[in-house]
C-alpha atoms as a PDB file:
ATOM      1  CA  UNK A   1       0.000   0.000   0.000  1.00  0.00           C
ATOM      2  CA  UNK A   2       2.891   2.353   0.723  1.00  0.00           C
ATOM      3  CA  UNK A   3       4.205   1.829  -2.799  1.00  0.00           C
ATOM      4  CA  UNK A   4       0.823   2.756  -4.233  1.00  0.00           C
ATOM      5  CA  UNK A   5       0.551   5.905  -2.118  1.00  0.00           C
ATOM      6  CA  UNK A   6       4.090   6.846  -3.180  1.00  0.00           C
ATOM      7  CA  UNK A   7       3.131   6.475  -6.850  1.00  0.00           C
ATOM      8  CA  UNK A   8      -0.055   8.520  -6.390  1.00  0.00           C
ATOM      9  CA  UNK A   9       1.810  11.352  -4.657  1.00  0.00           C
ATOM     10  CA  UNK A  10       4.513  11.311  -7.311  1.00  0.00           C
ATOM     11  CA  UNK A  11       1.967  10.927 -10.153  1.00  0.00           C
ATOM     12  CA  UNK A  12       3.795   7.802 -11.331  1.00  0.00           C
ATOM     13  CA  UNK A  13       0.645   6.568 -13.046  1.00  0.00           C
ATOM     14  CA  UNK A  14       2.332   4.044 -15.343  1.00  0.00           C
ATOM     15  CA  UNK A  15       3.530   1.992 -12.345  1.00  0.00           C
ATOM     16  CA  UNK A  16       0.123   1.588 -10.706  1.00  0.00           C
ATOM     17  CA  UNK A  17      -1.632  -0.997 -12.954  1.00  0.00           C
ATOM     18  CA  UNK A  18       0.751  -3.779 -11.924  1.00  0.00           C
ATOM     19  CA  UNK A  19       0.022  -3.090  -8.250  1.00  0.00           C
ATOM     20  CA  UNK A  20      -3.745  -3.050  -8.830  1.00  0.00           C
ATOM     21  CA  UNK A  21      -3.590  -6.513 -10.399  1.00  0.00           C
ATOM     22  CA  UNK A  22      -2.656  -7.930  -6.994  1.00  0.00           C
ATOM     23  CA  UNK A  23      -5.536  -6.313  -5.089  1.00  0.00           C
ATOM     24  CA  UNK A  24      -9.163  -7.146  -4.365  1.00  0.00           C
ATOM     25  CA  UNK A  25     -11.726  -4.676  -5.831  1.00  0.00           C
ATOM     26  CA  UNK A  26     -12.697  -3.565  -2.316  1.00  0.00           C
ATOM     27  CA  UNK A  27      -9.053  -2.683  -1.562  1.00  0.00           C
ATOM     28  CA  UNK A  28      -8.751  -0.738  -4.809  1.00  0.00           C
ATOM     29  CA  UNK A  29     -11.950   1.122  -3.987  1.00  0.00           C
ATOM     30  CA  UNK A  30     -10.556   2.036  -0.569  1.00  0.00           C
ATOM     31  CA  UNK A  31      -7.437   3.454  -2.208  1.00  0.00           C
ATOM     32  CA  UNK A  32      -9.519   5.562  -4.589  1.00  0.00           C
ATOM     33  CA  UNK A  33     -11.822   6.717  -1.768  1.00  0.00           C
ATOM     34  CA  UNK A  34      -8.844   8.093   0.192  1.00  0.00           C
ATOM     35  CA  UNK A  35      -6.944   9.489  -2.785  1.00  0.00           C
ATOM     36  CA  UNK A  36      -6.938  13.241  -3.523  1.00  0.00           C
ATOM     37  CA  UNK A  37     -10.084  14.244  -5.415  1.00  0.00           C
ATOM     38  CA  UNK A  38      -8.076  15.275  -8.482  1.00  0.00           C
ATOM     39  CA  UNK A  39      -6.502  11.789  -8.688  1.00  0.00           C
ATOM     40  CA  UNK A  40      -9.566   9.591  -8.228  1.00  0.00           C
ATOM     41  CA  UNK A  41     -10.744   9.666 -11.829  1.00  0.00           C
ATOM     42  CA  UNK A  42      -7.224   8.988 -13.100  1.00  0.00           C
ATOM     43  CA  UNK A  43      -6.900   5.980 -10.819  1.00  0.00           C
ATOM     44  CA  UNK A  44     -10.213   4.555 -12.013  1.00  0.00           C
ATOM     45  CA  UNK A  45      -9.183   5.018 -15.652  1.00  0.00           C
ATOM     46  CA  UNK A  46      -6.039   2.958 -15.005  1.00  0.00           C
ATOM     47  CA  UNK A  47      -8.067  -0.089 -14.012  1.00  0.00           C
ATOM     48  CA  UNK A  48      -8.603  -3.054 -16.284  1.00  0.00           C
ATOM     49  CA  UNK A  49     -12.114  -2.867 -17.790  1.00  0.00           C
ATOM     50  CA  UNK A  50     -12.976  -6.283 -16.313  1.00  0.00           C
ATOM     51  CA  UNK A  51     -12.585  -5.040 -12.749  1.00  0.00           C
ATOM     52  CA  UNK A  52     -14.172  -1.591 -13.077  1.00  0.00           C
ATOM     53  CA  UNK A  53     -17.738  -2.800 -12.319  1.00  0.00           C
ATOM     54  CA  UNK A  54     -16.637  -4.462  -9.067  1.00  0.00           C
ATOM     55  CA  UNK A  55     -14.617  -1.429  -7.964  1.00  0.00           C
ATOM     56  CA  UNK A  56     -17.417   1.013  -8.806  1.00  0.00           C
ATOM     57  CA  UNK A  57     -19.809  -1.015  -6.643  1.00  0.00           C
ATOM     58  CA  UNK A  58     -17.464  -0.612  -3.652  1.00  0.00           C
ATOM     59  CA  UNK A  59     -16.759   3.138  -3.914  1.00  0.00           C
ATOM     60  CA  UNK A  60     -18.015   5.707  -1.434  1.00  0.00           C
ATOM     61  CA  UNK A  61     -20.919   7.827  -2.676  1.00  0.00           C
ATOM     62  CA  UNK A  62     -18.820  10.956  -3.157  1.00  0.00           C
ATOM     63  CA  UNK A  63     -15.974   9.235  -5.019  1.00  0.00           C
ATOM     64  CA  UNK A  64     -18.487   7.375  -7.176  1.00  0.00           C
ATOM     65  CA  UNK A  65     -20.334  10.596  -8.036  1.00  0.00           C
ATOM     66  CA  UNK A  66     -17.139  12.476  -8.911  1.00  0.00           C
ATOM     67  CA  UNK A  67     -15.889   9.666 -11.159  1.00  0.00           C
ATOM     68  CA  UNK A  68     -19.215   9.209 -12.963  1.00  0.00           C
ATOM     69  CA  UNK A  69     -19.435  12.948 -13.583  1.00  0.00           C
ATOM     70  CA  UNK A  70     -16.311  12.722 -15.753  1.00  0.00           C
ATOM     71  CA  UNK A  71     -17.611   9.769 -17.799  1.00  0.00           C
ATOM     72  CA  UNK A  72     -19.881   9.682 -20.835  1.00  0.00           C
ATOM     73  CA  UNK A  73     -23.241   7.921 -20.757  1.00  0.00           C
ATOM     74  CA  UNK A  74     -21.825   5.282 -23.126  1.00  0.00           C
ATOM     75  CA  UNK A  75     -18.884   4.579 -20.822  1.00  0.00           C
ATOM     76  CA  UNK A  76     -21.158   4.262 -17.802  1.00  0.00           C
ATOM     77  CA  UNK A  77     -23.593   1.952 -19.598  1.00  0.00           C
ATOM     78  CA  UNK A  78     -20.756  -0.406 -20.570  1.00  0.00           C
ATOM     79  CA  UNK A  79     -19.756  -0.714 -16.900  1.00  0.00           C
ATOM     80  CA  UNK A  80     -23.299  -0.857 -15.523  1.00  0.00           C
ATOM     81  CA  UNK A  81     -24.180  -3.776 -17.796  1.00  0.00           C
ATOM     82  CA  UNK A  82     -21.488  -5.886 -16.147  1.00  0.00           C
ATOM     83  CA  UNK A  83     -22.634  -5.129 -12.597  1.00  0.00           C
ATOM     84  CA  UNK A  84     -25.072  -7.124 -10.485  1.00  0.00           C
ATOM     85  CA  UNK A  85     -28.580  -5.663 -11.015  1.00  0.00           C
ATOM     86  CA  UNK A  86     -28.880  -4.405  -7.430  1.00  0.00           C
ATOM     87  CA  UNK A  87     -25.485  -2.682  -7.604  1.00  0.00           C
ATOM     88  CA  UNK A  88     -26.380  -1.169 -10.987  1.00  0.00           C
ATOM     89  CA  UNK A  89     -29.648   0.157  -9.563  1.00  0.00           C
ATOM     90  CA  UNK A  90     -27.767   1.701  -6.622  1.00  0.00           C
ATOM     91  CA  UNK A  91     -25.456   3.566  -8.992  1.00  0.00           C
ATOM     92  CA  UNK A  92     -28.200   4.791 -11.325  1.00  0.00           C
ATOM     93  CA  UNK A  93     -30.394   5.749  -8.391  1.00  0.00           C
ATOM     94  CA  UNK A  94     -27.815   8.358  -7.371  1.00  0.00           C
ATOM     95  CA  UNK A  95     -27.814  10.028 -10.800  1.00  0.00           C
ATOM     96  CA  UNK A  96     -30.248  12.625 -12.104  1.00  0.00           C
ATOM     97  CA  UNK A  97     -33.335  11.030 -13.675  1.00  0.00           C
ATOM     98  CA  UNK A  98     -32.519  12.300 -17.158  1.00  0.00           C
ATOM     99  CA  UNK A  99     -28.992  10.886 -17.169  1.00  0.00           C
ATOM    100  CA  UNK A 100     -30.115   7.631 -15.579  1.00  0.00           C
ATOM    101  CA  UNK A 101     -32.757   7.197 -18.299  1.00  0.00           C
ATOM    102  CA  UNK A 102     -30.179   7.918 -20.997  1.00  0.00           C
ATOM    103  CA  UNK A 103     -27.850   5.223 -19.637  1.00  0.00           C
ATOM    104  CA  UNK A 104     -30.680   2.694 -19.364  1.00  0.00           C
ATOM    105  CA  UNK A 105     -31.600   3.328 -23.002  1.00  0.00           C
ATOM    106  CA  UNK A 106     -28.031   2.484 -24.023  1.00  0.00           C
ATOM    107  CA  UNK A 107     -28.046  -0.847 -22.194  1.00  0.00           C
ATOM    108  CA  UNK A 108     -29.176  -4.173 -23.626  1.00  0.00           C
ATOM    109  CA  UNK A 109     -32.875  -4.809 -23.022  1.00  0.00           C
ATOM    110  CA  UNK A 110     -32.449  -7.751 -20.646  1.00  0.00           C
ATOM    111  CA  UNK A 111     -30.049  -5.938 -18.295  1.00  0.00           C
ATOM    112  CA  UNK A 112     -31.898  -2.627 -18.420  1.00  0.00           C
ATOM    113  CA  UNK A 113     -35.268  -4.245 -17.671  1.00  0.00           C
ATOM    114  CA  UNK A 114     -33.956  -5.840 -14.475  1.00  0.00           C
ATOM    115  CA  UNK A 115     -32.522  -2.531 -13.302  1.00  0.00           C
ATOM    116  CA  UNK A 116     -35.682  -0.575 -14.209  1.00  0.00           C
ATOM    117  CA  UNK A 117     -37.738  -2.951 -12.066  1.00  0.00           C
ATOM    118  CA  UNK A 118     -35.454  -2.399  -9.068  1.00  0.00           C
ATOM    119  CA  UNK A 119     -35.512   1.387  -9.486  1.00  0.00           C
ATOM    120  CA  UNK A 120     -39.275   1.456  -8.944  1.00  0.00           C
ATOM    121  CA  UNK A 121     -38.791   0.578  -5.284  1.00  0.00           C
ATOM    122  CA  UNK A 122     -37.798   2.937  -2.486  1.00  0.00           C
ATOM    123  CA  UNK A 123     -34.024   2.738  -2.033  1.00  0.00           C
ATOM    124  CA  UNK A 124     -34.420   2.027   1.699  1.00  0.00           C
ATOM    125  CA  UNK A 125     -36.866  -0.848   1.190  1.00  0.00           C
ATOM    126  CA  UNK A 126     -36.306  -4.567   0.673  1.00  0.00           C
ATOM    127  CA  UNK A 127     -37.210  -4.095  -2.992  1.00  0.00           C
ATOM    128  CA  UNK A 128     -34.594  -1.385  -3.310  1.00  0.00           C
ATOM    129  CA  UNK A 129     -31.746  -3.524  -1.980  1.00  0.00           C
ATOM    130  CA  UNK A 130     -32.722  -6.944  -3.357  1.00  0.00           C
ATOM    131  CA  UNK A 131     -31.267  -8.672  -6.399  1.00  0.00           C
ATOM    132  CA  UNK A 132     -33.511 -10.393  -8.970  1.00  0.00           C
ATOM    133  CA  UNK A 133     -30.815 -13.058  -9.416  1.00  0.00           C
ATOM    134  CA  UNK A 134     -32.094 -16.196  -7.699  1.00  0.00           C
ATOM    135  CA  UNK A 135     -32.744 -19.814  -8.650  1.00  0.00           C
ATOM    136  CA  UNK A 136     -36.404 -20.897  -8.382  1.00  0.00           C
ATOM    137  CA  UNK A 137     -37.529 -24.471  -8.986  1.00  0.00           C
ATOM    138  CA  UNK A 138     -41.045 -25.789  -9.456  1.00  0.00           C
ATOM    139  CA  UNK A 139     -42.614 -27.682  -6.568  1.00  0.00           C
ATOM    140  CA  UNK A 140     -43.564 -30.526  -8.920  1.00  0.00           C
ATOM    141  CA  UNK A 141     -39.927 -31.162  -9.905  1.00  0.00           C
ATOM    142  CA  UNK A 142     -38.143 -34.134  -8.404  1.00  0.00           C
ATOM    143  CA  UNK A 143     -34.759 -33.705  -6.766  1.00  0.00           C
ATOM    144  CA  UNK A 144     -33.142 -35.448  -9.744  1.00  0.00           C
ATOM    145  CA  UNK A 145     -34.814 -33.040 -12.187  1.00  0.00           C
ATOM    146  CA  UNK A 146     -33.744 -30.072 -10.060  1.00  0.00           C
ATOM    147  CA  UNK A 147     -30.113 -31.242 -10.064  1.00  0.00           C
ATOM    148  CA  UNK A 148     -30.193 -31.597 -13.843  1.00  0.00           C
ATOM    149  CA  UNK A 149     -31.741 -28.134 -14.194  1.00  0.00           C
ATOM    150  CA  UNK A 150     -29.175 -26.468 -11.945  1.00  0.00           C
ATOM    151  CA  UNK A 151     -26.417 -28.129 -13.961  1.00  0.00           C
ATOM    152  CA  UNK A 152     -27.542 -26.197 -17.054  1.00  0.00           C
ATOM    153  CA  UNK A 153     -27.244 -22.783 -15.382  1.00  0.00           C
ATOM    154  CA  UNK A 154     -24.332 -20.374 -15.671  1.00  0.00           C
ATOM    155  CA  UNK A 155     -24.112 -18.813 -12.233  1.00  0.00           C
ATOM    156  CA  UNK A 156     -21.948 -15.898 -11.123  1.00  0.00           C
ATOM    157  CA  UNK A 157     -22.155 -16.765  -7.424  1.00  0.00           C
ATOM    158  CA  UNK A 158     -21.999 -19.985  -5.365  1.00  0.00           C
ATOM    159  CA  UNK A 159     -25.349 -21.726  -4.915  1.00  0.00           C
ATOM    160  CA  UNK A 160     -26.255 -23.294  -1.565  1.00  0.00           C
ATOM    161  CA  UNK A 161     -30.031 -23.649  -1.692  1.00  0.00           C
ATOM    162  CA  UNK A 162     -32.977 -23.337  -4.057  1.00  0.00           C
ATOM    163  CA  UNK A 163     -36.313 -21.582  -3.642  1.00  0.00           C
ATOM    164  CA  UNK A 164     -39.313 -23.808  -4.308  1.00  0.00           C
ATOM    165  CA  UNK A 165     -42.289 -22.093  -5.964  1.00  0.00           C
ATOM    166  CA  UNK A 166     -45.758 -23.164  -7.061  1.00  0.00           C
ATOM    167  CA  UNK A 167     -47.318 -22.722 -10.520  1.00  0.00           C
ATOM    168  CA  UNK A 168     -48.172 -19.067  -9.752  1.00  0.00           C
ATOM    169  CA  UNK A 169     -44.626 -18.221  -8.669  1.00  0.00           C
ATOM    170  CA  UNK A 170     -45.454 -18.045  -4.969  1.00  0.00           C
ATOM    171  CA  UNK A 171     -42.778 -19.218  -2.561  1.00  0.00           C
ATOM    172  CA  UNK A 172     -43.700 -22.406  -0.697  1.00  0.00           C
ATOM    173  CA  UNK A 173     -40.301 -23.365   0.723  1.00  0.00           C
ATOM    174  CA  UNK A 174     -36.602 -23.836   0.179  1.00  0.00           C
ATOM    175  CA  UNK A 175     -34.201 -26.744  -0.038  1.00  0.00           C
ATOM    176  CA  UNK A 176     -30.465 -27.070   0.519  1.00  0.00           C
ATOM    177  CA  UNK A 177     -28.376 -28.582  -2.248  1.00  0.00           C
ATOM    178  CA  UNK A 178     -27.183 -31.451  -0.077  1.00  0.00           C
ATOM    179  CA  UNK A 179     -30.830 -32.522   0.360  1.00  0.00           C
ATOM    180  CA  UNK A 180     -31.115 -32.821  -3.418  1.00  0.00           C
ATOM    181  CA  UNK A 181     -28.105 -35.118  -3.503  1.00  0.00           C
ATOM    182  CA  UNK A 182     -29.580 -37.652  -1.091  1.00  0.00           C
ATOM    183  CA  UNK A 183     -30.419 -40.853  -2.912  1.00  0.00           C
ATOM    184  CA  UNK A 184     -33.693 -41.200  -0.989  1.00  0.00           C
ATOM    185  CA  UNK A 185     -34.944 -37.849  -2.333  1.00  0.00           C
ATOM    186  CA  UNK A 186     -34.062 -38.330  -5.996  1.00  0.00           C
ATOM    187  CA  UNK A 187     -37.567 -39.222  -7.209  1.00  0.00           C
ATOM    188  CA  UNK A 188     -39.612 -37.274  -4.667  1.00  0.00           C
ATOM    189  CA  UNK A 189     -41.321 -33.979  -5.661  1.00  0.00           C
ATOM    190  CA  UNK A 190     -39.622 -30.972  -4.096  1.00  0.00           C
ATOM    191  CA  UNK A 191     -42.853 -29.841  -2.442  1.00  0.00           C
ATOM    192  CA  UNK A 192     -42.591 -32.943  -0.215  1.00  0.00           C
ATOM    193  CA  UNK A 193     -38.983 -32.429   0.881  1.00  0.00           C
ATOM    194  CA  UNK A 194     -38.752 -28.630   0.905  1.00  0.00           C
ATOM    195  CA  UNK A 195     -38.442 -26.795   4.221  1.00  0.00           C
ATOM    196  CA  UNK A 196     -41.659 -24.794   4.503  1.00  0.00           C
ATOM    197  CA  UNK A 197     -40.528 -22.875   7.591  1.00  0.00           C
ATOM    198  CA  UNK A 198     -38.814 -19.780   6.254  1.00  0.00           C
ATOM    199  CA  UNK A 199     -38.335 -16.096   7.033  1.00  0.00           C
ATOM    200  CA  UNK A 200     -39.203 -13.652   4.254  1.00  0.00           C
ATOM    201  CA  UNK A 201     -39.827  -9.967   3.630  1.00  0.00           C
ATOM    202  CA  UNK A 202     -42.009  -8.043   1.206  1.00  0.00           C
ATOM    203  CA  UNK A 203     -40.718  -5.498  -1.297  1.00  0.00           C
ATOM    204  CA  UNK A 204     -41.954  -2.611   0.866  1.00  0.00           C
ATOM    205  CA  UNK A 205     -40.343  -3.864   4.092  1.00  0.00           C
ATOM    206  CA  UNK A 206     -37.976  -1.222   5.502  1.00  0.00           C
ATOM    207  CA  UNK A 207     -34.305  -2.124   5.195  1.00  0.00           C
ATOM    208  CA  UNK A 208     -33.813  -1.696   8.941  1.00  0.00           C
ATOM    209  CA  UNK A 209     -36.370  -4.454   9.537  1.00  0.00           C
ATOM    210  CA  UNK A 210     -34.551  -6.594   6.962  1.00  0.00           C
ATOM    211  CA  UNK A 211     -31.305  -6.193   8.891  1.00  0.00           C
ATOM    212  CA  UNK A 212     -33.054  -6.943  12.207  1.00  0.00           C
ATOM    213  CA  UNK A 213     -34.540 -10.189  10.887  1.00  0.00           C
ATOM    214  CA  UNK A 214     -31.267 -11.310   9.319  1.00  0.00           C
ATOM    215  CA  UNK A 215     -29.419 -10.642  12.563  1.00  0.00           C
ATOM    216  CA  UNK A 216     -32.054 -12.241  14.813  1.00  0.00           C
ATOM    217  CA  UNK A 217     -32.290 -15.465  12.791  1.00  0.00           C
ATOM    218  CA  UNK A 218     -28.642 -15.537  11.646  1.00  0.00           C
ATOM    219  CA  UNK A 219     -29.577 -15.519   7.943  1.00  0.00           C
ATOM    220  CA  UNK A 220     -27.195 -15.212   5.012  1.00  0.00           C
ATOM    221  CA  UNK A 221     -30.016 -14.322   2.606  1.00  0.00           C
ATOM    222  CA  UNK A 222     -33.692 -13.434   2.628  1.00  0.00           C
ATOM    223  CA  UNK A 223     -36.345 -14.116  -0.036  1.00  0.00           C
ATOM    224  CA  UNK A 224     -38.375 -11.084  -1.121  1.00  0.00           C
ATOM    225  CA  UNK A 225     -42.064 -11.390  -2.058  1.00  0.00           C
ATOM    226  CA  UNK A 226     -44.357  -8.937  -3.820  1.00  0.00           C
ATOM    227  CA  UNK A 227     -47.909  -8.006  -2.808  1.00  0.00           C
ATOM    228  CA  UNK A 228     -49.238 -11.274  -4.244  1.00  0.00           C
ATOM    229  CA  UNK A 229     -46.602 -13.285  -2.346  1.00  0.00           C
ATOM    230  CA  UNK A 230     -44.747 -14.105  -5.545  1.00  0.00           C
ATOM    231  CA  UNK A 231     -40.990 -14.530  -5.245  1.00  0.00           C
ATOM    232  CA  UNK A 232     -39.331 -11.552  -6.958  1.00  0.00           C
ATOM    233  CA  UNK A 233     -35.833 -11.427  -5.469  1.00  0.00           C
ATOM    234  CA  UNK A 234     -33.491 -12.124  -2.608  1.00  0.00           C
ATOM    235  CA  UNK A 235     -31.335 -10.032  -0.309  1.00  0.00           C
ATOM    236  CA  UNK A 236     -27.789 -11.328   0.111  1.00  0.00           C
ATOM    237  CA  UNK A 237     -25.486 -11.153   3.101  1.00  0.00           C
ATOM    238  CA  UNK A 238     -23.336  -8.385   1.589  1.00  0.00           C
ATOM    239  CA  UNK A 239     -26.374  -6.152   1.184  1.00  0.00           C
ATOM    240  CA  UNK A 240     -27.516  -6.982   4.716  1.00  0.00           C
ATOM    241  CA  UNK A 241     -24.099  -5.951   6.058  1.00  0.00           C
ATOM    242  CA  UNK A 242     -24.273  -2.706   4.060  1.00  0.00           C
ATOM    243  CA  UNK A 243     -27.640  -1.918   5.649  1.00  0.00           C
ATOM    244  CA  UNK A 244     -26.341  -2.633   9.153  1.00  0.00           C
ATOM    245  CA  UNK A 245     -23.354  -0.349   8.534  1.00  0.00           C
ATOM    246  CA  UNK A 246     -25.544   2.391   7.047  1.00  0.00           C
ATOM    247  CA  UNK A 247     -28.079   2.285   9.864  1.00  0.00           C
ATOM    248  CA  UNK A 248     -25.304   2.302  12.483  1.00  0.00           C
ATOM    249  CA  UNK A 249     -23.707   5.343  10.841  1.00  0.00           C
ATOM    250  CA  UNK A 250     -27.037   7.181  10.803  1.00  0.00           C
ATOM    251  CA  UNK A 251     -27.574   6.435  14.503  1.00  0.00           C
ATOM    252  CA  UNK A 252     -24.113   7.772  15.337  1.00  0.00           C
ATOM    253  CA  UNK A 253     -24.691  10.983  13.372  1.00  0.00           C
ATOM    254  CA  UNK A 254     -28.076  11.486  15.010  1.00  0.00           C
ATOM    255  CA  UNK A 255     -26.483  11.106  18.435  1.00  0.00           C
ATOM    256  CA  UNK A 256     -24.037  13.797  17.364  1.00  0.00           C
ATOM    257  CA  UNK A 257     -26.941  16.109  16.545  1.00  0.00           C
ATOM    258  CA  UNK A 258     -27.085  15.848  12.756  1.00  0.00           C
ATOM    259  CA  UNK A 259     -30.527  16.321  11.221  1.00  0.00           C
ATOM    260  CA  UNK A 260     -32.245  13.918   8.801  1.00  0.00           C
ATOM    261  CA  UNK A 261     -31.630  16.420   5.989  1.00  0.00           C
ATOM    262  CA  UNK A 262     -27.881  16.397   6.617  1.00  0.00           C
ATOM    263  CA  UNK A 263     -27.864  12.579   6.514  1.00  0.00           C
ATOM    264  CA  UNK A 264     -29.401  12.426   3.015  1.00  0.00           C
END
């Protein structure tokens, strides 16, 4: 880290890419967050295009805003398309409506539609922090059929359990992968082996309540249902941790006498 700070102070930009290759996106984001304002955009430009989406998702609000201000709508859309839908919605939600709409129009239809759906929810609600990336399986499927189905998917994140839904898309339970692998379950419909005791939230549930439930029941993810109890998304542990950190920061500022307006 000292070498990187030395290069930033000395504006030795050509030496930085090799150091960035060794770092996690969160560490790179931390470096950019603490760099002088006039160097932040330069540092982001030095990054390999493949890692820019992950770094952008980890930046502080102010650093993110300053960097995006220097970029064209086309450049932003290229990065946004490679981000997780919930992270993309967070970024676009901080931009002016006109610019956000312009970027969405430049994106491919599939990616932009997912982000548009998330943007309709209040940013402090379960709908606003959920991701639409989840793996649902029909209740009438057998464990063997579910295993075969999962094997056809290209997933960006590890998969530990599946959500079991009925014909209308309503959540009826969940099942861990190891349960699918049991020989005794191979030919049994999932509705018979699924765990029907589960904690869930609705899209309009406040994020503070989401964090409380996750903490109380020691959950790594939470399914999110709409007004008709259809499964529309899930909230992952990283988003839950972000909420806990955000709510804790707000409480600290309020204790210090900051008003709600100053916290926005």
